[in-house]
Amino acid sequence: MVFPNLPGVASLFTLITATLIPSAQSLATAAKTNVTDRQAQLVQIPYGVNIHHCYVPGTVAITFDDGPYIYTEELLGILAQYGAKATFFVNGHNLGGNEWLLRRMVNEGHQLASHTWGHPDLTILSYDQIVDQMTRLESAFAAAVGVVPTYMRPPYLAANDYVLSVMGELGYHVIGVSVDTKDYENDHPDLIGRSVAKYNSELDQGGTIVLAHDIHEQTVRTLTRIMLEEVYERGLHPTTVGECLGEDGWYR
């Protein structure tokens, strides 16, 4: 373009160019900043430390312990109906014959995580026993879906400093809870309302990582729909623990 030789036009063009067209240096700086931000975000997700809350605003992670079980297939259908993702903390004792459910979970975008092989209280086990609980389930995961989770939840939420240190050594993010539905105490049509009330109350208090169990009929057939509808009514996004932490290294 040729500009007429008018006063101020050249300087105006220079100003527009400098303001609206980023330089190669500024683009490189922005790219470097994005990488640095992503690395910083990943560093914030520690191993061997109890995590109880989502980091990403507006997210809620509904998690299910102890499956897969006879109700898990139905649960996956409900999650699909609501367009929701969840995290499944799998127990090795319930795995046999249900490996296909793990593959379906992964294929549908849910997150698999470890709940140990035999559901023991890890705080009373030796180092070798703790490692065995984790590695036995790792082998089962690898055989079933070809990956090993980097997330775990201790049975009974029991994790002292020693257990946490072993989990850190083994490369596990340790996930606690901030909304405990106590659904295992209320697995009856006349009682499940107690879990609903507890869920709503703890959401009100800012809880974001929810504990439920897919081994209980009322959890799957009643509580799950209510939980999802409540999340959506609050304008929140139900997702996996990994996504709610802003972290994508769910497996190794």
C-alpha atoms as a PDB file:
ATOM      1  CA  MET A   1       0.000   0.000   0.000  1.00  0.00           C
ATOM      2  CA  VAL A   2       1.240   3.516  -0.886  1.00  0.00           C
ATOM      3  CA  PHE A   3       0.337   6.260   1.577  1.00  0.00           C
ATOM      4  CA  PRO A   4       0.091   9.885   0.473  1.00  0.00           C
ATOM      5  CA  ASN A   5       2.762  12.151   1.769  1.00  0.00           C
ATOM      6  CA  LEU A   6       0.568  13.658   4.468  1.00  0.00           C
ATOM      7  CA  PRO A   7       1.790  14.757   7.866  1.00  0.00           C
ATOM      8  CA  GLY A   8       1.312  12.116  10.523  1.00  0.00           C
ATOM      9  CA  VAL A   9       0.260   9.261   8.219  1.00  0.00           C
ATOM     10  CA  ALA A  10       3.601   7.468   8.390  1.00  0.00           C
ATOM     11  CA  SER A  11       3.743   7.771  12.130  1.00  0.00           C
ATOM     12  CA  LEU A  12       0.129   6.541  12.399  1.00  0.00           C
ATOM     13  CA  PHE A  13       0.962   3.498  10.262  1.00  0.00           C
ATOM     14  CA  THR A  14       3.972   2.767  12.444  1.00  0.00           C
ATOM     15  CA  LEU A  15       1.810   2.990  15.562  1.00  0.00           C
ATOM     16  CA  ILE A  16      -0.847   0.647  14.162  1.00  0.00           C
ATOM     17  CA  THR A  17       1.783  -1.856  13.032  1.00  0.00           C
ATOM     18  CA  ALA A  18       3.510  -1.863  16.393  1.00  0.00           C
ATOM     19  CA  THR A  19       0.237  -2.149  18.283  1.00  0.00           C
ATOM     20  CA  LEU A  20      -1.737  -4.718  16.275  1.00  0.00           C
ATOM     21  CA  ILE A  21       0.918  -6.952  14.711  1.00  0.00           C
ATOM     22  CA  PRO A  22       2.861  -8.932  17.287  1.00  0.00           C
ATOM     23  CA  SER A  23       6.554  -9.320  16.751  1.00  0.00           C
ATOM     24  CA  ALA A  24       8.266 -12.668  16.501  1.00  0.00           C
ATOM     25  CA  GLN A  25       9.832 -11.970  19.873  1.00  0.00           C
ATOM     26  CA  SER A  26       6.444 -11.329  21.523  1.00  0.00           C
ATOM     27  CA  LEU A  27       4.989 -14.499  19.997  1.00  0.00           C
ATOM     28  CA  ALA A  28       7.929 -16.525  21.261  1.00  0.00           C
ATOM     29  CA  THR A  29       7.550 -15.001  24.705  1.00  0.00           C
ATOM     30  CA  ALA A  30       3.827 -15.852  24.757  1.00  0.00           C
ATOM     31  CA  ALA A  31       4.503 -19.430  23.698  1.00  0.00           C
ATOM     32  CA  LYS A  32       7.171 -19.786  26.346  1.00  0.00           C
ATOM     33  CA  THR A  33       4.800 -18.377  28.949  1.00  0.00           C
ATOM     34  CA  ASN A  34       2.089 -20.898  28.000  1.00  0.00           C
ATOM     35  CA  VAL A  35       4.528 -23.779  28.338  1.00  0.00           C
ATOM     36  CA  THR A  36       5.785 -22.435  31.635  1.00  0.00           C
ATOM     37  CA  ASP A  37       2.223 -22.049  32.945  1.00  0.00           C
ATOM     38  CA  ARG A  38       1.392 -25.629  31.944  1.00  0.00           C
ATOM     39  CA  GLN A  39       4.529 -26.956  33.611  1.00  0.00           C
ATOM     40  CA  ALA A  40       3.753 -24.988  36.741  1.00  0.00           C
ATOM     41  CA  GLN A  41       0.231 -26.396  36.763  1.00  0.00           C
ATOM     42  CA  LEU A  42       1.517 -29.949  36.533  1.00  0.00           C
ATOM     43  CA  VAL A  43       4.040 -29.375  39.295  1.00  0.00           C
ATOM     44  CA  GLN A  44       1.193 -28.338  41.588  1.00  0.00           C
ATOM     45  CA  ILE A  45      -0.234 -31.872  41.530  1.00  0.00           C
ATOM     46  CA  PRO A  46       2.029 -33.655  44.013  1.00  0.00           C
ATOM     47  CA  TYR A  47       2.595 -37.346  44.563  1.00  0.00           C
ATOM     48  CA  GLY A  48       2.152 -38.844  48.000  1.00  0.00           C
ATOM     49  CA  VAL A  49       0.033 -35.981  49.356  1.00  0.00           C
ATOM     50  CA  ASN A  50      -3.652 -36.219  50.250  1.00  0.00           C
ATOM     51  CA  ILE A  51      -5.713 -34.104  47.841  1.00  0.00           C
ATOM     52  CA  HIS A  52      -9.271 -33.277  48.894  1.00  0.00           C
ATOM     53  CA  HIS A  53     -10.426 -30.528  46.530  1.00  0.00           C
ATOM     54  CA  CYS A  54     -10.555 -29.759  42.820  1.00  0.00           C
ATOM     55  CA  TYR A  55      -8.165 -27.085  41.580  1.00  0.00           C
ATOM     56  CA  VAL A  56     -10.128 -26.057  38.481  1.00  0.00           C
ATOM     57  CA  PRO A  57     -12.950 -23.631  39.356  1.00  0.00           C
ATOM     58  CA  GLY A  58     -16.480 -24.748  38.557  1.00  0.00           C
ATOM     59  CA  THR A  59     -15.725 -28.480  38.558  1.00  0.00           C
ATOM     60  CA  VAL A  60     -16.942 -31.320  40.749  1.00  0.00           C
ATOM     61  CA  ALA A  61     -15.437 -34.817  40.644  1.00  0.00           C
ATOM     62  CA  ILE A  62     -17.917 -37.575  41.464  1.00  0.00           C
ATOM     63  CA  THR A  63     -15.974 -40.724  42.296  1.00  0.00           C
ATOM     64  CA  PHE A  64     -17.018 -44.325  42.824  1.00  0.00           C
ATOM     65  CA  ASP A  65     -15.075 -46.772  44.980  1.00  0.00           C
ATOM     66  CA  ASP A  66     -14.907 -50.580  45.210  1.00  0.00           C
ATOM     67  CA  GLY A  67     -16.236 -51.633  41.798  1.00  0.00           C
ATOM     68  CA  PRO A  68     -16.653 -52.858  39.220  1.00  0.00           C
ATOM     69  CA  TYR A  69     -19.800 -54.606  40.374  1.00  0.00           C
ATOM     70  CA  ILE A  70     -23.217 -55.767  39.173  1.00  0.00           C
ATOM     71  CA  TYR A  71     -24.518 -52.183  39.098  1.00  0.00           C
ATOM     72  CA  THR A  72     -21.558 -50.614  37.301  1.00  0.00           C
ATOM     73  CA  GLU A  73     -22.829 -51.193  33.767  1.00  0.00           C
ATOM     74  CA  GLU A  74     -26.095 -49.455  34.670  1.00  0.00           C
ATOM     75  CA  LEU A  75     -24.125 -46.604  36.234  1.00  0.00           C
ATOM     76  CA  LEU A  76     -22.130 -46.082  33.046  1.00  0.00           C
ATOM     77  CA  GLY A  77     -25.383 -45.772  31.149  1.00  0.00           C
ATOM     78  CA  ILE A  78     -26.654 -43.118  33.570  1.00  0.00           C
ATOM     79  CA  LEU A  79     -23.432 -41.136  33.292  1.00  0.00           C
ATOM     80  CA  ALA A  80     -23.728 -41.246  29.507  1.00  0.00           C
ATOM     81  CA  GLN A  81     -27.318 -39.980  29.666  1.00  0.00           C
ATOM     82  CA  TYR A  82     -26.165 -36.966  31.674  1.00  0.00           C
ATOM     83  CA  GLY A  83     -23.021 -36.342  29.633  1.00  0.00           C
ATOM     84  CA  ALA A  84     -20.936 -36.693  32.788  1.00  0.00           C
ATOM     85  CA  LYS A  85     -17.511 -38.191  33.438  1.00  0.00           C
ATOM     86  CA  ALA A  86     -16.484 -39.879  36.670  1.00  0.00           C
ATOM     87  CA  THR A  87     -13.510 -41.518  38.333  1.00  0.00           C
ATOM     88  CA  PHE A  88     -13.595 -45.171  39.364  1.00  0.00           C
ATOM     89  CA  PHE A  89     -11.308 -46.316  42.174  1.00  0.00           C
ATOM     90  CA  VAL A  90     -11.143 -50.009  41.393  1.00  0.00           C
ATOM     91  CA  ASN A  91     -10.807 -52.825  43.923  1.00  0.00           C
ATOM     92  CA  GLY A  92      -8.907 -55.872  42.700  1.00  0.00           C
ATOM     93  CA  HIS A  93     -11.186 -58.347  44.482  1.00  0.00           C
ATOM     94  CA  ASN A  94     -14.102 -57.254  42.293  1.00  0.00           C
ATOM     95  CA  LEU A  95     -12.142 -57.165  39.065  1.00  0.00           C
ATOM     96  CA  GLY A  96     -12.224 -60.789  37.953  1.00  0.00           C
ATOM     97  CA  GLY A  97     -14.501 -61.202  34.939  1.00  0.00           C
ATOM     98  CA  ASN A  98     -15.271 -57.486  34.828  1.00  0.00           C
ATOM     99  CA  GLU A  99     -12.261 -56.343  32.848  1.00  0.00           C
ATOM    100  CA  TRP A 100     -14.549 -55.421  29.951  1.00  0.00           C
ATOM    101  CA  LEU A 101     -16.112 -52.763  32.178  1.00  0.00           C
ATOM    102  CA  LEU A 102     -12.700 -51.168  32.666  1.00  0.00           C
ATOM    103  CA  ARG A 103     -12.252 -51.002  28.921  1.00  0.00           C
ATOM    104  CA  ARG A 104     -15.673 -49.414  28.557  1.00  0.00           C
ATOM    105  CA  MET A 105     -14.829 -46.847  31.249  1.00  0.00           C
ATOM    106  CA  VAL A 106     -11.677 -45.813  29.422  1.00  0.00           C
ATOM    107  CA  ASN A 107     -13.374 -45.771  26.018  1.00  0.00           C
ATOM    108  CA  GLU A 108     -16.133 -43.498  27.366  1.00  0.00           C
ATOM    109  CA  GLY A 109     -13.702 -41.004  28.864  1.00  0.00           C
ATOM    110  CA  HIS A 110     -13.912 -41.926  32.521  1.00  0.00           C
ATOM    111  CA  GLN A 111     -10.831 -42.161  34.708  1.00  0.00           C
ATOM    112  CA  LEU A 112      -9.549 -45.387  36.231  1.00  0.00           C
ATOM    113  CA  ALA A 113      -7.692 -45.277  39.531  1.00  0.00           C
ATOM    114  CA  SER A 114      -6.413 -47.703  42.152  1.00  0.00           C
ATOM    115  CA  HIS A 115      -8.199 -48.666  45.360  1.00  0.00           C
ATOM    116  CA  THR A 116      -5.638 -51.414  46.128  1.00  0.00           C
ATOM    117  CA  TRP A 117      -5.961 -55.087  45.377  1.00  0.00           C
ATOM    118  CA  GLY A 118      -7.707 -56.358  48.499  1.00  0.00           C
ATOM    119  CA  HIS A 119      -9.036 -53.219  50.248  1.00  0.00           C
ATOM    120  CA  PRO A 120      -6.901 -53.451  53.417  1.00  0.00           C
ATOM    121  CA  ASP A 121      -6.128 -50.700  55.901  1.00  0.00           C
ATOM    122  CA  LEU A 122      -2.725 -49.692  54.538  1.00  0.00           C
ATOM    123  CA  THR A 123      -1.684 -48.080  57.818  1.00  0.00           C
ATOM    124  CA  ILE A 124      -1.275 -51.489  59.473  1.00  0.00           C
ATOM    125  CA  LEU A 125       0.699 -53.112  56.649  1.00  0.00           C
ATOM    126  CA  SER A 126       4.441 -53.426  56.166  1.00  0.00           C
ATOM    127  CA  TYR A 127       6.245 -51.741  53.296  1.00  0.00           C
ATOM    128  CA  ASP A 128       6.317 -54.953  51.256  1.00  0.00           C
ATOM    129  CA  GLN A 129       2.629 -55.575  51.876  1.00  0.00           C
ATOM    130  CA  ILE A 130       1.689 -52.065  50.756  1.00  0.00           C
ATOM    131  CA  VAL A 131       3.754 -52.417  47.598  1.00  0.00           C
ATOM    132  CA  ASP A 132       2.165 -55.798  46.885  1.00  0.00           C
ATOM    133  CA  GLN A 133      -1.333 -54.319  47.204  1.00  0.00           C
ATOM    134  CA  MET A 134      -0.489 -51.683  44.636  1.00  0.00           C
ATOM    135  CA  THR A 135       1.572 -53.704  42.166  1.00  0.00           C
ATOM    136  CA  ARG A 136      -0.861 -56.629  42.004  1.00  0.00           C
ATOM    137  CA  LEU A 137      -3.561 -54.251  40.858  1.00  0.00           C
ATOM    138  CA  GLU A 138      -1.124 -52.524  38.505  1.00  0.00           C
ATOM    139  CA  SER A 139      -0.553 -55.854  36.759  1.00  0.00           C
ATOM    140  CA  ALA A 140      -4.299 -56.401  36.460  1.00  0.00           C
ATOM    141  CA  PHE A 141      -4.810 -52.918  34.998  1.00  0.00           C
ATOM    142  CA  ALA A 142      -2.003 -53.451  32.506  1.00  0.00           C
ATOM    143  CA  ALA A 143      -3.495 -56.759  31.378  1.00  0.00           C
ATOM    144  CA  ALA A 144      -7.043 -55.374  31.098  1.00  0.00           C
ATOM    145  CA  VAL A 145      -6.538 -51.936  29.557  1.00  0.00           C
ATOM    146  CA  GLY A 146      -2.822 -51.620  28.838  1.00  0.00           C
ATOM    147  CA  VAL A 147      -2.174 -48.766  31.281  1.00  0.00           C
ATOM    148  CA  VAL A 148      -1.418 -48.286  34.974  1.00  0.00           C
ATOM    149  CA  PRO A 149      -3.160 -45.464  36.874  1.00  0.00           C
ATOM    150  CA  THR A 150      -1.203 -42.749  38.663  1.00  0.00           C
ATOM    151  CA  TYR A 151      -4.110 -41.952  40.998  1.00  0.00           C
ATOM    152  CA  MET A 152      -5.181 -43.927  44.061  1.00  0.00           C
ATOM    153  CA  ARG A 153      -7.453 -43.727  47.079  1.00  0.00           C
ATOM    154  CA  PRO A 154      -6.569 -45.576  50.287  1.00  0.00           C
ATOM    155  CA  PRO A 155      -9.258 -47.929  51.586  1.00  0.00           C
ATOM    156  CA  TYR A 156     -11.180 -46.419  54.502  1.00  0.00           C
ATOM    157  CA  LEU A 157      -9.394 -43.145  53.583  1.00  0.00           C
ATOM    158  CA  ALA A 158      -6.673 -44.388  55.940  1.00  0.00           C
ATOM    159  CA  ALA A 159      -3.310 -42.863  55.042  1.00  0.00           C
ATOM    160  CA  ASN A 160      -0.697 -41.867  57.602  1.00  0.00           C
ATOM    161  CA  ASP A 161       2.600 -40.194  56.775  1.00  0.00           C
ATOM    162  CA  TYR A 162       4.271 -43.531  56.098  1.00  0.00           C
ATOM    163  CA  VAL A 163       1.589 -44.679  53.653  1.00  0.00           C
ATOM    164  CA  LEU A 164       1.751 -41.326  51.882  1.00  0.00           C
ATOM    165  CA  SER A 165       5.519 -41.588  51.572  1.00  0.00           C
ATOM    166  CA  VAL A 166       5.218 -45.034  49.978  1.00  0.00           C
ATOM    167  CA  MET A 167       2.586 -43.739  47.567  1.00  0.00           C
ATOM    168  CA  GLY A 168       4.925 -40.910  46.651  1.00  0.00           C
ATOM    169  CA  GLU A 169       7.712 -43.392  46.029  1.00  0.00           C
ATOM    170  CA  LEU A 170       5.405 -45.454  43.808  1.00  0.00           C
ATOM    171  CA  GLY A 171       4.294 -42.375  41.861  1.00  0.00           C
ATOM    172  CA  TYR A 172       0.687 -42.040  43.012  1.00  0.00           C
ATOM    173  CA  HIS A 173      -1.499 -38.984  43.496  1.00  0.00           C
ATOM    174  CA  VAL A 174      -3.487 -39.722  46.668  1.00  0.00           C
ATOM    175  CA  ILE A 175      -7.116 -38.627  46.458  1.00  0.00           C
ATOM    176  CA  GLY A 176      -9.220 -37.982  49.529  1.00  0.00           C
ATOM    177  CA  VAL A 177     -12.717 -36.511  49.652  1.00  0.00           C
ATOM    178  CA  SER A 178     -14.494 -33.308  50.585  1.00  0.00           C
ATOM    179  CA  VAL A 179     -18.034 -34.623  50.039  1.00  0.00           C
ATOM    180  CA  ASP A 180     -18.650 -38.020  51.664  1.00  0.00           C
ATOM    181  CA  THR A 181     -22.145 -39.291  50.855  1.00  0.00           C
ATOM    182  CA  LYS A 182     -21.922 -42.149  53.389  1.00  0.00           C
ATOM    183  CA  ASP A 183     -23.979 -44.079  50.865  1.00  0.00           C
ATOM    184  CA  TYR A 184     -22.846 -47.382  52.360  1.00  0.00           C
ATOM    185  CA  GLU A 185     -24.891 -46.518  55.465  1.00  0.00           C
ATOM    186  CA  ASN A 186     -28.004 -45.649  53.467  1.00  0.00           C
ATOM    187  CA  ASP A 187     -28.446 -48.319  50.809  1.00  0.00           C
ATOM    188  CA  HIS A 188     -32.231 -48.482  51.127  1.00  0.00           C
ATOM    189  CA  PRO A 189     -34.994 -46.478  49.444  1.00  0.00           C
ATOM    190  CA  ASP A 190     -36.104 -45.130  52.821  1.00  0.00           C
ATOM    191  CA  LEU A 191     -32.579 -44.063  53.810  1.00  0.00           C
ATOM    192  CA  ILE A 192     -30.841 -42.793  50.683  1.00  0.00           C
ATOM    193  CA  GLY A 193     -32.298 -39.336  51.284  1.00  0.00           C
ATOM    194  CA  ARG A 194     -29.798 -38.985  54.116  1.00  0.00           C
ATOM    195  CA  SER A 195     -26.976 -39.292  51.609  1.00  0.00           C
ATOM    196  CA  VAL A 196     -28.659 -36.713  49.384  1.00  0.00           C
ATOM    197  CA  ALA A 197     -28.892 -34.264  52.296  1.00  0.00           C
ATOM    198  CA  LYS A 198     -25.253 -34.839  53.251  1.00  0.00           C
ATOM    199  CA  TYR A 199     -24.151 -34.388  49.647  1.00  0.00           C
ATOM    200  CA  ASN A 200     -26.007 -31.092  49.269  1.00  0.00           C
ATOM    201  CA  SER A 201     -24.756 -29.798  52.611  1.00  0.00           C
ATOM    202  CA  GLU A 202     -21.116 -30.538  51.820  1.00  0.00           C
ATOM    203  CA  LEU A 203     -21.431 -29.003  48.357  1.00  0.00           C
ATOM    204  CA  ASP A 204     -22.743 -25.901  50.127  1.00  0.00           C
ATOM    205  CA  GLN A 205     -19.562 -25.913  52.207  1.00  0.00           C
ATOM    206  CA  GLY A 206     -17.372 -25.917  49.103  1.00  0.00           C
ATOM    207  CA  GLY A 207     -16.733 -29.635  48.731  1.00  0.00           C
ATOM    208  CA  THR A 208     -15.704 -30.712  45.243  1.00  0.00           C
ATOM    209  CA  ILE A 209     -14.438 -34.324  45.364  1.00  0.00           C
ATOM    210  CA  VAL A 210     -17.365 -36.653  46.041  1.00  0.00           C
ATOM    211  CA  LEU A 211     -17.165 -40.179  47.458  1.00  0.00           C
ATOM    212  CA  ALA A 212     -19.787 -42.768  46.499  1.00  0.00           C
ATOM    213  CA  HIS A 213     -19.728 -46.516  45.785  1.00  0.00           C
ATOM    214  CA  ASP A 214     -20.930 -48.336  42.677  1.00  0.00           C
ATOM    215  CA  ILE A 215     -21.404 -51.537  44.691  1.00  0.00           C
ATOM    216  CA  HIS A 216     -24.624 -50.174  46.233  1.00  0.00           C
ATOM    217  CA  GLU A 217     -27.945 -50.367  44.406  1.00  0.00           C
ATOM    218  CA  GLN A 218     -29.445 -47.139  45.747  1.00  0.00           C
ATOM    219  CA  THR A 219     -26.278 -45.220  44.920  1.00  0.00           C
ATOM    220  CA  VAL A 220     -26.573 -46.183  41.280  1.00  0.00           C
ATOM    221  CA  ARG A 221     -30.340 -46.132  40.832  1.00  0.00           C
ATOM    222  CA  THR A 222     -31.238 -43.096  42.938  1.00  0.00           C
ATOM    223  CA  LEU A 223     -28.331 -41.082  44.327  1.00  0.00           C
ATOM    224  CA  THR A 224     -26.287 -40.696  41.134  1.00  0.00           C
ATOM    225  CA  ARG A 225     -29.061 -38.993  39.161  1.00  0.00           C
ATOM    226  CA  ILE A 226     -29.782 -36.633  42.048  1.00  0.00           C
ATOM    227  CA  MET A 227     -26.094 -35.767  42.427  1.00  0.00           C
ATOM    228  CA  LEU A 228     -25.689 -35.006  38.737  1.00  0.00           C
ATOM    229  CA  GLU A 229     -28.850 -32.923  38.545  1.00  0.00           C
ATOM    230  CA  GLU A 230     -27.730 -30.917  41.576  1.00  0.00           C
ATOM    231  CA  VAL A 231     -24.313 -30.279  40.044  1.00  0.00           C
ATOM    232  CA  TYR A 232     -25.872 -28.997  36.832  1.00  0.00           C
ATOM    233  CA  GLU A 233     -28.426 -26.875  38.700  1.00  0.00           C
ATOM    234  CA  ARG A 234     -25.529 -25.167  40.470  1.00  0.00           C
ATOM    235  CA  GLY A 235     -23.884 -24.415  37.135  1.00  0.00           C
ATOM    236  CA  LEU A 236     -20.988 -26.777  37.830  1.00  0.00           C
ATOM    237  CA  HIS A 237     -19.264 -29.324  35.583  1.00  0.00           C
ATOM    238  CA  PRO A 238     -19.127 -32.998  36.666  1.00  0.00           C
ATOM    239  CA  THR A 239     -15.839 -34.494  35.558  1.00  0.00           C
ATOM    240  CA  THR A 240     -12.923 -36.732  36.450  1.00  0.00           C
ATOM    241  CA  VAL A 241     -10.520 -36.094  39.300  1.00  0.00           C
ATOM    242  CA  GLY A 242      -7.668 -35.630  36.844  1.00  0.00           C
ATOM    243  CA  GLU A 243      -9.545 -33.002  34.871  1.00  0.00           C
ATOM    244  CA  CYS A 244     -10.762 -31.205  37.983  1.00  0.00           C
ATOM    245  CA  LEU A 245      -7.131 -30.941  39.070  1.00  0.00           C
ATOM    246  CA  GLY A 246      -6.068 -29.656  35.647  1.00  0.00           C
ATOM    247  CA  GLU A 247      -3.790 -32.652  35.124  1.00  0.00           C
ATOM    248  CA  ASP A 248      -3.725 -35.098  32.218  1.00  0.00           C
ATOM    249  CA  GLY A 249      -1.142 -37.666  33.312  1.00  0.00           C
ATOM    250  CA  TRP A 250      -3.707 -40.148  34.546  1.00  0.00           C
ATOM    251  CA  TYR A 251      -1.772 -43.238  33.470  1.00  0.00           C
ATOM    252  CA  ARG A 252       1.698 -44.512  32.835  1.00  0.00           C
END
